[in-house]
Amino acid sequence: MNKVILLKKRPKGRPSLDDFEFIEQKKPNPKEGEILLKTKYVSVDPYLRGRMRDEKSYIEPFEVGKPLESGIIAEVVESNNKNFEKGEFVNGMLQWKQFQTSNGNGLNKVDNEKAPLKAYLGILGLTGITAYLGLDKIGKPKKGETLLVSGAAGAVGSVAGQIGKIKGCRVVGIAGSEEKIDRIQEKFGFDAAINYKTTDDMQKAIAEACPDGVDVYFDNVGGEILDAALANINKYGRVINCGAISLYNKTEKPTGPRVETTLIKNSILMQGFTVRDFVKDFGPAQKQLAAWMEKDKLSYLETVVEGFESIPQAFIDLFDGKNKGKMIVVV
């Protein structure tokens, strides 16, 4: 049989296990031109929370009663498609199923001899590519500038900070525990760090950690931390709005300071960003990330959870900050 995870109902506020449903289906057989895939590694990411809402966005929402999907590394266990061979591994947006068929569209082969398979969901996958392209296309950090990163101990933030160091920036990270503060400085080379959970005045804390102001802000959390960062932004500063995890589970409409005067007075660029805006640049980005890895210029961490049944809980744990770096489920 084939286990499948469905969206049972749309969450109200923070997701819970009651929002998911496990069912069993008959294991599918590949038709002509199709391949049968066995799920090996599953990526769970905060942005999936947005797809649980029934609202227009940059990607279609999940349907109630239908399987969820995310980035998955799968093994080709049967092939009726000349472009794929049994035993190969592929990466793509796939459904939360133990087995599924595909015609191969949207799948990329990955080589487990060049890098561990899990790396293609993290540092060499959408995680690393998101950090790279957000900085390359919007942030454009220059040597000597100050890069501020929120969610700095997370999968994207930790890579963004390291790229900033490669570019010659002073890099300051914001995270939510002393353990994470130590990690981003000792393992990832950040110059300074702020624990937002023990800081009463974020605006002042950022000013002290960034004495020359903020030139580029890589925002993964939104909310009050974004407000504080904007209060410290330099003229011609750039703000990359990559994520807003502080708001994902809010049930009321968020409010905050008006940003117009700050943007106008300082000629600020503030741009929303999803990595799918730059699909044509994925190849060069992955190539550069791999080159930096080979030269030991990039480090990464993974939190690996075992078992297909653990996927929903691993996703929920993201909102409690239980992951160190990229959260991956091994099936």
C-alpha atoms as a PDB file:
ATOM      1  CA  MET A   1       0.000   0.000   0.000  1.00  0.00           C
ATOM      2  CA  ASN A   2       0.948   3.650  -0.408  1.00  0.00           C
ATOM      3  CA  LYS A   3       0.700   6.164   2.448  1.00  0.00           C
ATOM      4  CA  VAL A   4      -0.440   9.681   1.566  1.00  0.00           C
ATOM      5  CA  ILE A   5      -0.779  12.883   3.635  1.00  0.00           C
ATOM      6  CA  LEU A   6      -3.769  15.144   2.896  1.00  0.00           C
ATOM      7  CA  LEU A   7      -4.703  18.637   4.032  1.00  0.00           C
ATOM      8  CA  LYS A   8      -7.711  17.769   6.172  1.00  0.00           C
ATOM      9  CA  LYS A   9      -8.727  21.366   6.936  1.00  0.00           C
ATOM     10  CA  ARG A  10      -7.268  24.832   6.729  1.00  0.00           C
ATOM     11  CA  PRO A  11      -5.432  25.842   9.929  1.00  0.00           C
ATOM     12  CA  LYS A  12      -6.672  28.729  12.030  1.00  0.00           C
ATOM     13  CA  GLY A  13      -3.563  30.268  13.497  1.00  0.00           C
ATOM     14  CA  ARG A  14      -0.722  27.866  14.230  1.00  0.00           C
ATOM     15  CA  PRO A  15      -1.070  24.533  12.346  1.00  0.00           C
ATOM     16  CA  SER A  16      -1.761  21.378  14.352  1.00  0.00           C
ATOM     17  CA  LEU A  17      -1.685  17.675  13.608  1.00  0.00           C
ATOM     18  CA  ASP A  18      -5.488  17.765  13.354  1.00  0.00           C
ATOM     19  CA  ASP A  19      -5.112  19.734  10.110  1.00  0.00           C
ATOM     20  CA  PHE A  20      -3.554  16.701   8.383  1.00  0.00           C
ATOM     21  CA  GLU A  21      -4.935  13.290   7.460  1.00  0.00           C
ATOM     22  CA  PHE A  22      -3.105  10.060   6.639  1.00  0.00           C
ATOM     23  CA  ILE A  23      -4.698   7.691   4.155  1.00  0.00           C
ATOM     24  CA  GLU A  24      -3.568   4.594   2.293  1.00  0.00           C
ATOM     25  CA  GLN A  25      -3.949   4.101  -1.443  1.00  0.00           C
ATOM     26  CA  LYS A  26      -2.971   1.376  -3.827  1.00  0.00           C
ATOM     27  CA  LYS A  27       0.622   1.691  -4.983  1.00  0.00           C
ATOM     28  CA  PRO A  28       0.497   3.175  -8.516  1.00  0.00           C
ATOM     29  CA  ASN A  29       1.908   1.579 -11.656  1.00  0.00           C
ATOM     30  CA  PRO A  30       3.714   3.776 -14.198  1.00  0.00           C
ATOM     31  CA  LYS A  31       2.100   4.077 -17.632  1.00  0.00           C
ATOM     32  CA  GLU A  32       3.979   4.482 -20.895  1.00  0.00           C
ATOM     33  CA  GLY A  33       6.201   7.553 -20.634  1.00  0.00           C
ATOM     34  CA  GLU A  34       6.004   7.608 -16.830  1.00  0.00           C
ATOM     35  CA  ILE A  35       8.304   6.721 -13.954  1.00  0.00           C
ATOM     36  CA  LEU A  36       7.516   5.385 -10.497  1.00  0.00           C
ATOM     37  CA  LEU A  37       9.146   7.403  -7.738  1.00  0.00           C
ATOM     38  CA  LYS A  38       9.887   6.407  -4.163  1.00  0.00           C
ATOM     39  CA  THR A  39      10.176   9.324  -1.755  1.00  0.00           C
ATOM     40  CA  LYS A  40      13.549   9.482   0.015  1.00  0.00           C
ATOM     41  CA  TYR A  41      13.856  12.997   1.521  1.00  0.00           C
ATOM     42  CA  VAL A  42      11.164  15.620   2.116  1.00  0.00           C
ATOM     43  CA  SER A  43      11.736  19.344   2.622  1.00  0.00           C
ATOM     44  CA  VAL A  44       9.412  21.184   5.001  1.00  0.00           C
ATOM     45  CA  ASP A  45       9.512  24.984   4.856  1.00  0.00           C
ATOM     46  CA  PRO A  46       7.653  27.891   6.498  1.00  0.00           C
ATOM     47  CA  TYR A  47       6.238  29.145   3.176  1.00  0.00           C
ATOM     48  CA  LEU A  48       4.010  26.060   3.023  1.00  0.00           C
ATOM     49  CA  ARG A  49       1.856  27.717   5.698  1.00  0.00           C
ATOM     50  CA  GLY A  50       0.794  30.327   3.147  1.00  0.00           C
ATOM     51  CA  ARG A  51      -0.370  27.644   0.748  1.00  0.00           C
ATOM     52  CA  MET A  52      -2.735  26.337   3.431  1.00  0.00           C
ATOM     53  CA  ARG A  53      -4.774  29.540   3.143  1.00  0.00           C
ATOM     54  CA  ASP A  54      -7.470  29.838   0.505  1.00  0.00           C
ATOM     55  CA  GLU A  55      -6.201  33.074  -0.964  1.00  0.00           C
ATOM     56  CA  LYS A  56      -4.457  34.333  -4.069  1.00  0.00           C
ATOM     57  CA  SER A  57      -0.682  34.253  -3.906  1.00  0.00           C
ATOM     58  CA  TYR A  58       2.363  33.611  -6.066  1.00  0.00           C
ATOM     59  CA  ILE A  59       1.546  29.888  -6.018  1.00  0.00           C
ATOM     60  CA  GLU A  60      -1.743  27.988  -5.947  1.00  0.00           C
ATOM     61  CA  PRO A  61      -3.090  27.119  -2.474  1.00  0.00           C
ATOM     62  CA  PHE A  62      -3.344  23.541  -1.323  1.00  0.00           C
ATOM     63  CA  GLU A  63      -6.788  21.993  -1.738  1.00  0.00           C
ATOM     64  CA  VAL A  64      -8.597  20.517   1.245  1.00  0.00           C
ATOM     65  CA  GLY A  65      -8.812  16.762   0.869  1.00  0.00           C
ATOM     66  CA  LYS A  66      -5.866  16.645  -1.522  1.00  0.00           C
ATOM     67  CA  PRO A  67      -2.186  15.766  -0.889  1.00  0.00           C
ATOM     68  CA  LEU A  68       0.243  18.477   0.145  1.00  0.00           C
ATOM     69  CA  GLU A  69       3.513  18.901  -1.723  1.00  0.00           C
ATOM     70  CA  SER A  70       6.999  20.286  -1.237  1.00  0.00           C
ATOM     71  CA  GLY A  71      10.538  19.793  -2.444  1.00  0.00           C
ATOM     72  CA  ILE A  72      11.353  16.077  -2.488  1.00  0.00           C
ATOM     73  CA  ILE A  73      14.283  13.876  -3.429  1.00  0.00           C
ATOM     74  CA  ALA A  74      12.958  10.626  -4.888  1.00  0.00           C
ATOM     75  CA  GLU A  75      14.410   7.448  -6.339  1.00  0.00           C
ATOM     76  CA  VAL A  76      13.320   6.098  -9.722  1.00  0.00           C
ATOM     77  CA  VAL A  77      12.211   2.544  -8.912  1.00  0.00           C
ATOM     78  CA  GLU A  78      10.525   1.804 -12.263  1.00  0.00           C
ATOM     79  CA  SER A  79      10.837   3.585 -15.593  1.00  0.00           C
ATOM     80  CA  ASN A  80       8.812   3.608 -18.770  1.00  0.00           C
ATOM     81  CA  ASN A  81      10.437   6.884 -19.792  1.00  0.00           C
ATOM     82  CA  LYS A  82      13.573   6.899 -21.949  1.00  0.00           C
ATOM     83  CA  ASN A  83      14.920   9.964 -20.128  1.00  0.00           C
ATOM     84  CA  PHE A  84      15.108   8.249 -16.740  1.00  0.00           C
ATOM     85  CA  GLU A  85      16.688   5.025 -15.558  1.00  0.00           C
ATOM     86  CA  LYS A  86      15.903   2.850 -12.568  1.00  0.00           C
ATOM     87  CA  GLY A  87      18.169   3.777  -9.661  1.00  0.00           C
ATOM     88  CA  GLU A  88      18.522   7.453 -10.556  1.00  0.00           C
ATOM     89  CA  PHE A  89      17.572  10.185  -8.096  1.00  0.00           C
ATOM     90  CA  VAL A  90      15.488  13.256  -8.918  1.00  0.00           C
ATOM     91  CA  ASN A  91      14.557  16.511  -7.208  1.00  0.00           C
ATOM     92  CA  GLY A  92      11.269  18.337  -7.709  1.00  0.00           C
ATOM     93  CA  MET A  93       7.994  19.594  -6.259  1.00  0.00           C
ATOM     94  CA  LEU A  94       6.246  16.334  -5.457  1.00  0.00           C
ATOM     95  CA  GLN A  95       3.299  15.216  -3.358  1.00  0.00           C
ATOM     96  CA  TRP A  96       3.543  13.887   0.180  1.00  0.00           C
ATOM     97  CA  LYS A  97       3.246  10.254  -0.894  1.00  0.00           C
ATOM     98  CA  GLN A  98       5.523   7.285  -0.349  1.00  0.00           C
ATOM     99  CA  PHE A  99       5.166   6.360  -4.032  1.00  0.00           C
ATOM    100  CA  GLN A 100       3.941   8.390  -7.002  1.00  0.00           C
ATOM    101  CA  THR A 101       4.178   8.438 -10.766  1.00  0.00           C
ATOM    102  CA  SER A 102       5.458  11.270 -12.944  1.00  0.00           C
ATOM    103  CA  ASN A 103       6.015  11.992 -16.626  1.00  0.00           C
ATOM    104  CA  GLY A 104       9.314  13.624 -15.649  1.00  0.00           C
ATOM    105  CA  ASN A 105       8.283  17.232 -16.231  1.00  0.00           C
ATOM    106  CA  GLY A 106       9.714  19.559 -13.594  1.00  0.00           C
ATOM    107  CA  LEU A 107      12.166  16.975 -12.282  1.00  0.00           C
ATOM    108  CA  ASN A 108      15.929  17.445 -12.128  1.00  0.00           C
ATOM    109  CA  LYS A 109      18.370  14.588 -11.759  1.00  0.00           C
ATOM    110  CA  VAL A 110      20.740  14.827  -8.807  1.00  0.00           C
ATOM    111  CA  ASP A 111      24.091  13.121  -8.389  1.00  0.00           C
ATOM    112  CA  ASN A 112      24.720  11.560  -4.983  1.00  0.00           C
ATOM    113  CA  GLU A 113      28.409  11.193  -5.830  1.00  0.00           C
ATOM    114  CA  LYS A 114      28.942  14.968  -6.115  1.00  0.00           C
ATOM    115  CA  ALA A 115      27.084  15.840  -2.909  1.00  0.00           C
ATOM    116  CA  PRO A 116      24.848  14.146  -0.317  1.00  0.00           C
ATOM    117  CA  LEU A 117      21.287  13.853  -1.613  1.00  0.00           C
ATOM    118  CA  LYS A 118      19.940  15.952   1.271  1.00  0.00           C
ATOM    119  CA  ALA A 119      22.139  18.860   0.173  1.00  0.00           C
ATOM    120  CA  TYR A 120      19.996  19.263  -2.948  1.00  0.00           C
ATOM    121  CA  LEU A 121      17.076  20.245  -0.696  1.00  0.00           C
ATOM    122  CA  GLY A 122      19.215  22.662   1.302  1.00  0.00           C
ATOM    123  CA  ILE A 123      22.457  24.382   0.484  1.00  0.00           C
ATOM    124  CA  LEU A 124      22.419  23.270  -3.189  1.00  0.00           C
ATOM    125  CA  GLY A 125      18.638  23.400  -3.511  1.00  0.00           C
ATOM    126  CA  LEU A 126      15.984  26.080  -3.174  1.00  0.00           C
ATOM    127  CA  THR A 127      17.312  27.085   0.245  1.00  0.00           C
ATOM    128  CA  GLY A 128      20.784  28.035  -0.923  1.00  0.00           C
ATOM    129  CA  ILE A 129      19.505  29.344  -4.243  1.00  0.00           C
ATOM    130  CA  THR A 130      17.020  31.593  -2.418  1.00  0.00           C
ATOM    131  CA  ALA A 131      19.788  33.154  -0.334  1.00  0.00           C
ATOM    132  CA  TYR A 132      22.061  33.581  -3.342  1.00  0.00           C
ATOM    133  CA  LEU A 133      19.499  35.079  -5.722  1.00  0.00           C
ATOM    134  CA  GLY A 134      17.909  37.335  -3.092  1.00  0.00           C
ATOM    135  CA  LEU A 135      21.270  38.965  -2.540  1.00  0.00           C
ATOM    136  CA  ASP A 136      22.359  38.865  -6.179  1.00  0.00           C
ATOM    137  CA  LYS A 137      19.166  40.278  -7.703  1.00  0.00           C
ATOM    138  CA  ILE A 138      17.976  42.680  -4.989  1.00  0.00           C
ATOM    139  CA  GLY A 139      20.490  43.141  -2.163  1.00  0.00           C
ATOM    140  CA  LYS A 140      23.579  43.573  -4.348  1.00  0.00           C
ATOM    141  CA  PRO A 141      25.924  43.732  -1.326  1.00  0.00           C
ATOM    142  CA  LYS A 142      29.204  45.574  -1.769  1.00  0.00           C
ATOM    143  CA  LYS A 143      32.487  45.216   0.070  1.00  0.00           C
ATOM    144  CA  GLY A 144      32.489  47.255   3.261  1.00  0.00           C
ATOM    145  CA  GLU A 145      28.687  47.451   3.571  1.00  0.00           C
ATOM    146  CA  THR A 146      26.642  46.132   6.492  1.00  0.00           C
ATOM    147  CA  LEU A 147      24.302  43.208   5.844  1.00  0.00           C
ATOM    148  CA  LEU A 148      21.637  42.497   8.471  1.00  0.00           C
ATOM    149  CA  VAL A 149      19.903  39.096   8.359  1.00  0.00           C
ATOM    150  CA  SER A 150      16.848  38.023  10.356  1.00  0.00           C
ATOM    151  CA  GLY A 151      16.130  34.345  10.877  1.00  0.00           C
ATOM    152  CA  ALA A 152      19.907  34.139  10.692  1.00  0.00           C
ATOM    153  CA  ALA A 153      20.193  30.654  12.177  1.00  0.00           C
ATOM    154  CA  GLY A 154      17.675  29.252   9.726  1.00  0.00           C
ATOM    155  CA  ALA A 155      18.339  27.487   6.469  1.00  0.00           C
ATOM    156  CA  VAL A 156      18.159  30.563   4.214  1.00  0.00           C
ATOM    157  CA  GLY A 157      19.446  33.137   6.680  1.00  0.00           C
ATOM    158  CA  SER A 158      22.616  31.237   7.561  1.00  0.00           C
ATOM    159  CA  VAL A 159      23.549  30.945   3.881  1.00  0.00           C
ATOM    160  CA  ALA A 160      22.722  34.602   3.189  1.00  0.00           C
ATOM    161  CA  GLY A 161      25.043  35.682   5.976  1.00  0.00           C
ATOM    162  CA  GLN A 162      27.911  33.544   4.713  1.00  0.00           C
ATOM    163  CA  ILE A 163      27.504  34.908   1.191  1.00  0.00           C
ATOM    164  CA  GLY A 164      27.635  38.384   2.686  1.00  0.00           C
ATOM    165  CA  LYS A 165      30.986  37.545   4.269  1.00  0.00           C
ATOM    166  CA  ILE A 166      32.273  36.195   0.953  1.00  0.00           C
ATOM    167  CA  LYS A 167      31.263  39.532  -0.598  1.00  0.00           C
ATOM    168  CA  GLY A 168      33.272  41.433   2.029  1.00  0.00           C
ATOM    169  CA  CYS A 169      30.396  42.751   4.157  1.00  0.00           C
ATOM    170  CA  ARG A 170      30.090  43.219   7.887  1.00  0.00           C
ATOM    171  CA  VAL A 171      27.315  40.731   8.682  1.00  0.00           C
ATOM    172  CA  VAL A 172      24.954  40.951  11.659  1.00  0.00           C
ATOM    173  CA  GLY A 173      22.407  38.228  12.410  1.00  0.00           C
ATOM    174  CA  ILE A 174      19.174  38.156  14.391  1.00  0.00           C
ATOM    175  CA  ALA A 175      18.124  34.868  16.026  1.00  0.00           C
ATOM    176  CA  GLY A 176      16.032  33.606  18.936  1.00  0.00           C
ATOM    177  CA  SER A 177      18.330  31.860  21.427  1.00  0.00           C
ATOM    178  CA  GLU A 178      21.832  32.113  22.838  1.00  0.00           C
ATOM    179  CA  GLU A 179      22.640  28.750  21.259  1.00  0.00           C
ATOM    180  CA  LYS A 180      21.695  30.136  17.844  1.00  0.00           C
ATOM    181  CA  ILE A 181      23.615  33.358  18.504  1.00  0.00           C
ATOM    182  CA  ASP A 182      26.749  31.345  19.251  1.00  0.00           C
ATOM    183  CA  ARG A 183      26.208  29.152  16.205  1.00  0.00           C
ATOM    184  CA  ILE A 184      25.898  31.908  13.635  1.00  0.00           C
ATOM    185  CA  GLN A 185      29.021  33.594  14.942  1.00  0.00           C
ATOM    186  CA  GLU A 186      31.204  30.530  15.519  1.00  0.00           C
ATOM    187  CA  LYS A 187      30.087  28.266  12.663  1.00  0.00           C
ATOM    188  CA  PHE A 188      28.865  30.726  10.052  1.00  0.00           C
ATOM    189  CA  GLY A 189      31.230  33.630  10.712  1.00  0.00           C
ATOM    190  CA  PHE A 190      28.742  36.435  11.451  1.00  0.00           C
ATOM    191  CA  ASP A 191      30.453  39.496  12.921  1.00  0.00           C
ATOM    192  CA  ALA A 192      27.747  40.230  15.486  1.00  0.00           C
ATOM    193  CA  ALA A 193      24.375  38.860  16.557  1.00  0.00           C
ATOM    194  CA  ILE A 194      21.200  39.923  18.369  1.00  0.00           C
ATOM    195  CA  ASN A 195      18.915  37.675  20.408  1.00  0.00           C
ATOM    196  CA  TYR A 196      15.496  39.176  19.709  1.00  0.00           C
ATOM    197  CA  LYS A 197      13.891  37.219  22.549  1.00  0.00           C
ATOM    198  CA  THR A 198      16.049  38.892  25.206  1.00  0.00           C
ATOM    199  CA  THR A 199      16.126  42.345  23.609  1.00  0.00           C
ATOM    200  CA  ASP A 200      13.629  44.947  24.832  1.00  0.00           C
ATOM    201  CA  ASP A 201      14.484  47.547  22.192  1.00  0.00           C
ATOM    202  CA  MET A 202      15.240  46.059  18.764  1.00  0.00           C
ATOM    203  CA  GLN A 203      15.784  49.425  17.149  1.00  0.00           C
ATOM    204  CA  LYS A 204      18.486  50.278  19.693  1.00  0.00           C
ATOM    205  CA  ALA A 205      20.013  46.789  19.536  1.00  0.00           C
ATOM    206  CA  ILE A 206      20.362  47.000  15.749  1.00  0.00           C
ATOM    207  CA  ALA A 207      21.874  50.489  16.030  1.00  0.00           C
ATOM    208  CA  GLU A 208      24.493  49.183  18.468  1.00  0.00           C
ATOM    209  CA  ALA A 209      25.304  46.087  16.385  1.00  0.00           C
ATOM    210  CA  CYS A 210      25.381  48.117  13.149  1.00  0.00           C
ATOM    211  CA  PRO A 211      27.207  51.334  14.106  1.00  0.00           C
ATOM    212  CA  ASP A 212      27.486  52.358  10.448  1.00  0.00           C
ATOM    213  CA  GLY A 213      23.806  51.652   9.790  1.00  0.00           C
ATOM    214  CA  VAL A 214      22.233  48.912   7.650  1.00  0.00           C
ATOM    215  CA  ASP A 215      22.907  48.852   3.914  1.00  0.00           C
ATOM    216  CA  VAL A 216      21.199  45.558   3.061  1.00  0.00           C
ATOM    217  CA  TYR A 217      18.514  43.829   5.130  1.00  0.00           C
ATOM    218  CA  PHE A 218      17.669  40.213   4.275  1.00  0.00           C
ATOM    219  CA  ASP A 219      14.277  39.813   5.919  1.00  0.00           C
ATOM    220  CA  ASN A 220      12.955  36.369   6.747  1.00  0.00           C
ATOM    221  CA  VAL A 221      10.560  37.299   9.567  1.00  0.00           C
ATOM    222  CA  GLY A 222       8.743  40.593   8.910  1.00  0.00           C
ATOM    223  CA  GLY A 223       6.794  42.284  11.696  1.00  0.00           C
ATOM    224  CA  GLU A 224       8.407  44.393  14.400  1.00  0.00           C
ATOM    225  CA  ILE A 225      11.930  43.344  13.483  1.00  0.00           C
ATOM    226  CA  LEU A 226      11.411  44.726   9.991  1.00  0.00           C
ATOM    227  CA  ASP A 227      10.189  47.988  11.557  1.00  0.00           C
ATOM    228  CA  ALA A 228      13.358  48.188  13.672  1.00  0.00           C
ATOM    229  CA  ALA A 229      15.602  47.411  10.710  1.00  0.00           C
ATOM    230  CA  LEU A 230      14.000  50.157   8.608  1.00  0.00           C
ATOM    231  CA  ALA A 231      14.630  52.629  11.419  1.00  0.00           C
ATOM    232  CA  ASN A 232      18.365  51.916  10.978  1.00  0.00           C
ATOM    233  CA  ILE A 233      18.519  51.736   7.189  1.00  0.00           C
ATOM    234  CA  ASN A 234      21.088  53.830   5.314  1.00  0.00           C
ATOM    235  CA  LYS A 235      20.466  55.990   2.267  1.00  0.00           C
ATOM    236  CA  TYR A 236      20.125  53.806  -0.829  1.00  0.00           C
ATOM    237  CA  GLY A 237      19.612  50.773   1.401  1.00  0.00           C
ATOM    238  CA  ARG A 238      18.062  47.597   0.000  1.00  0.00           C
ATOM    239  CA  VAL A 239      15.489  45.421   1.763  1.00  0.00           C
ATOM    240  CA  ILE A 240      14.863  41.862   0.559  1.00  0.00           C
ATOM    241  CA  ASN A 241      11.421  40.708   1.735  1.00  0.00           C
ATOM    242  CA  CYS A 242      11.997  36.957   1.514  1.00  0.00           C
ATOM    243  CA  GLY A 243       9.802  35.723   4.360  1.00  0.00           C
ATOM    244  CA  ALA A 244       7.488  36.840   7.152  1.00  0.00           C
ATOM    245  CA  ILE A 245       7.309  33.904   9.545  1.00  0.00           C
ATOM    246  CA  SER A 246       6.330  36.177  12.443  1.00  0.00           C
ATOM    247  CA  LEU A 247       3.020  36.828  10.647  1.00  0.00           C
ATOM    248  CA  TYR A 248       2.214  33.463   9.042  1.00  0.00           C
ATOM    249  CA  ASN A 249       0.010  32.212  11.876  1.00  0.00           C
ATOM    250  CA  LYS A 250      -1.682  35.529  12.701  1.00  0.00           C
ATOM    251  CA  THR A 251      -5.453  35.456  12.458  1.00  0.00           C
ATOM    252  CA  GLU A 252      -5.930  39.236  12.619  1.00  0.00           C
ATOM    253  CA  LYS A 253      -4.692  41.695  10.023  1.00  0.00           C
ATOM    254  CA  PRO A 254      -1.246  42.924  11.104  1.00  0.00           C
ATOM    255  CA  THR A 255      -0.530  46.631  11.499  1.00  0.00           C
ATOM    256  CA  GLY A 256       2.690  48.555  11.934  1.00  0.00           C
ATOM    257  CA  PRO A 257       4.502  51.817  11.300  1.00  0.00           C
ATOM    258  CA  ARG A 258       4.015  53.450   7.919  1.00  0.00           C
ATOM    259  CA  VAL A 259       7.153  53.004   5.824  1.00  0.00           C
ATOM    260  CA  GLU A 260       6.567  55.588   3.087  1.00  0.00           C
ATOM    261  CA  THR A 261       8.584  58.437   4.584  1.00  0.00           C
ATOM    262  CA  THR A 262      11.519  56.155   5.420  1.00  0.00           C
ATOM    263  CA  LEU A 263      11.600  54.794   1.879  1.00  0.00           C
ATOM    264  CA  ILE A 264      11.353  58.244   0.330  1.00  0.00           C
ATOM    265  CA  LYS A 265      13.806  60.074   2.602  1.00  0.00           C
ATOM    266  CA  ASN A 266      16.495  57.426   2.170  1.00  0.00           C
ATOM    267  CA  SER A 267      15.760  56.329  -1.419  1.00  0.00           C
ATOM    268  CA  ILE A 268      15.274  52.758  -0.201  1.00  0.00           C
ATOM    269  CA  LEU A 269      14.594  49.766  -2.439  1.00  0.00           C
ATOM    270  CA  MET A 270      12.231  47.352  -0.673  1.00  0.00           C
ATOM    271  CA  GLN A 271      11.233  44.388  -2.801  1.00  0.00           C
ATOM    272  CA  GLY A 272       9.214  41.250  -2.233  1.00  0.00           C
ATOM    273  CA  PHE A 273      11.026  38.148  -3.406  1.00  0.00           C
ATOM    274  CA  THR A 274      10.180  34.564  -4.267  1.00  0.00           C
ATOM    275  CA  VAL A 275      12.877  32.393  -5.728  1.00  0.00           C
ATOM    276  CA  ARG A 276      10.576  31.199  -8.517  1.00  0.00           C
ATOM    277  CA  ASP A 277      10.837  34.674 -10.032  1.00  0.00           C
ATOM    278  CA  PHE A 278      14.310  33.698 -11.231  1.00  0.00           C
ATOM    279  CA  VAL A 279      14.007  30.085 -12.385  1.00  0.00           C
ATOM    280  CA  LYS A 280      16.315  30.707 -15.353  1.00  0.00           C
ATOM    281  CA  ASP A 281      19.084  31.611 -12.903  1.00  0.00           C
ATOM    282  CA  PHE A 282      18.888  28.414 -10.818  1.00  0.00           C
ATOM    283  CA  GLY A 283      21.670  26.640 -12.726  1.00  0.00           C
ATOM    284  CA  PRO A 284      24.328  29.369 -12.394  1.00  0.00           C
ATOM    285  CA  ALA A 285      23.353  29.924  -8.744  1.00  0.00           C
ATOM    286  CA  GLN A 286      23.729  26.233  -7.886  1.00  0.00           C
ATOM    287  CA  LYS A 287      27.045  26.121  -9.723  1.00  0.00           C
ATOM    288  CA  GLN A 288      28.401  29.052  -7.700  1.00  0.00           C
ATOM    289  CA  LEU A 289      27.182  27.595  -4.410  1.00  0.00           C
ATOM    290  CA  ALA A 290      28.838  24.265  -5.245  1.00  0.00           C
ATOM    291  CA  ALA A 291      32.105  26.055  -6.074  1.00  0.00           C
ATOM    292  CA  TRP A 292      32.071  27.855  -2.726  1.00  0.00           C
ATOM    293  CA  MET A 293      31.339  24.573  -0.947  1.00  0.00           C
ATOM    294  CA  GLU A 294      34.320  22.912  -2.634  1.00  0.00           C
ATOM    295  CA  LYS A 295      36.518  25.737  -1.343  1.00  0.00           C
ATOM    296  CA  ASP A 296      35.048  25.361   2.180  1.00  0.00           C
ATOM    297  CA  LYS A 297      33.597  28.865   2.051  1.00  0.00           C
ATOM    298  CA  LEU A 298      30.085  27.662   2.951  1.00  0.00           C
ATOM    299  CA  SER A 299      28.916  25.588   5.902  1.00  0.00           C
ATOM    300  CA  TYR A 300      25.434  24.281   6.551  1.00  0.00           C
ATOM    301  CA  LEU A 301      23.401  22.485   9.175  1.00  0.00           C
ATOM    302  CA  GLU A 302      20.474  20.120   8.848  1.00  0.00           C
ATOM    303  CA  THR A 303      17.855  18.887  11.259  1.00  0.00           C
ATOM    304  CA  VAL A 304      16.921  15.407  10.051  1.00  0.00           C
ATOM    305  CA  VAL A 305      13.710  13.767  11.263  1.00  0.00           C
ATOM    306  CA  GLU A 306      13.001  10.125  10.446  1.00  0.00           C
ATOM    307  CA  GLY A 307       9.781   8.613   9.143  1.00  0.00           C
ATOM    308  CA  PHE A 308       7.072   9.480   6.626  1.00  0.00           C
ATOM    309  CA  GLU A 309       4.582   9.880   9.481  1.00  0.00           C
ATOM    310  CA  SER A 310       6.789  12.603  10.983  1.00  0.00           C
ATOM    311  CA  ILE A 311       6.368  15.071   8.095  1.00  0.00           C
ATOM    312  CA  PRO A 312       3.478  17.129   9.585  1.00  0.00           C
ATOM    313  CA  GLN A 313       5.119  17.421  13.015  1.00  0.00           C
ATOM    314  CA  ALA A 314       8.448  18.399  11.470  1.00  0.00           C
ATOM    315  CA  PHE A 315       6.629  21.174   9.608  1.00  0.00           C
ATOM    316  CA  ILE A 316       4.882  22.385  12.772  1.00  0.00           C
ATOM    317  CA  ASP A 317       8.186  22.370  14.668  1.00  0.00           C
ATOM    318  CA  LEU A 318       9.501  25.069  12.317  1.00  0.00           C
ATOM    319  CA  PHE A 319       7.252  27.597  14.034  1.00  0.00           C
ATOM    320  CA  ASP A 320       8.787  26.757  17.413  1.00  0.00           C
ATOM    321  CA  GLY A 321      12.320  27.145  16.072  1.00  0.00           C
ATOM    322  CA  LYS A 322      13.187  23.507  16.753  1.00  0.00           C
ATOM    323  CA  ASN A 323      15.251  23.204  13.587  1.00  0.00           C
ATOM    324  CA  LYS A 324      18.952  23.858  13.294  1.00  0.00           C
ATOM    325  CA  GLY A 325      19.352  24.951   9.705  1.00  0.00           C
ATOM    326  CA  LYS A 326      17.383  23.061   7.087  1.00  0.00           C
ATOM    327  CA  MET A 327      14.547  20.800   8.295  1.00  0.00           C
ATOM    328  CA  ILE A 328      14.455  17.545   6.321  1.00  0.00           C
ATOM    329  CA  VAL A 329      12.471  14.342   6.792  1.00  0.00           C
ATOM    330  CA  VAL A 330      14.123  11.112   5.696  1.00  0.00           C
ATOM    331  CA  VAL A 331      11.625   8.466   4.642  1.00  0.00           C
END
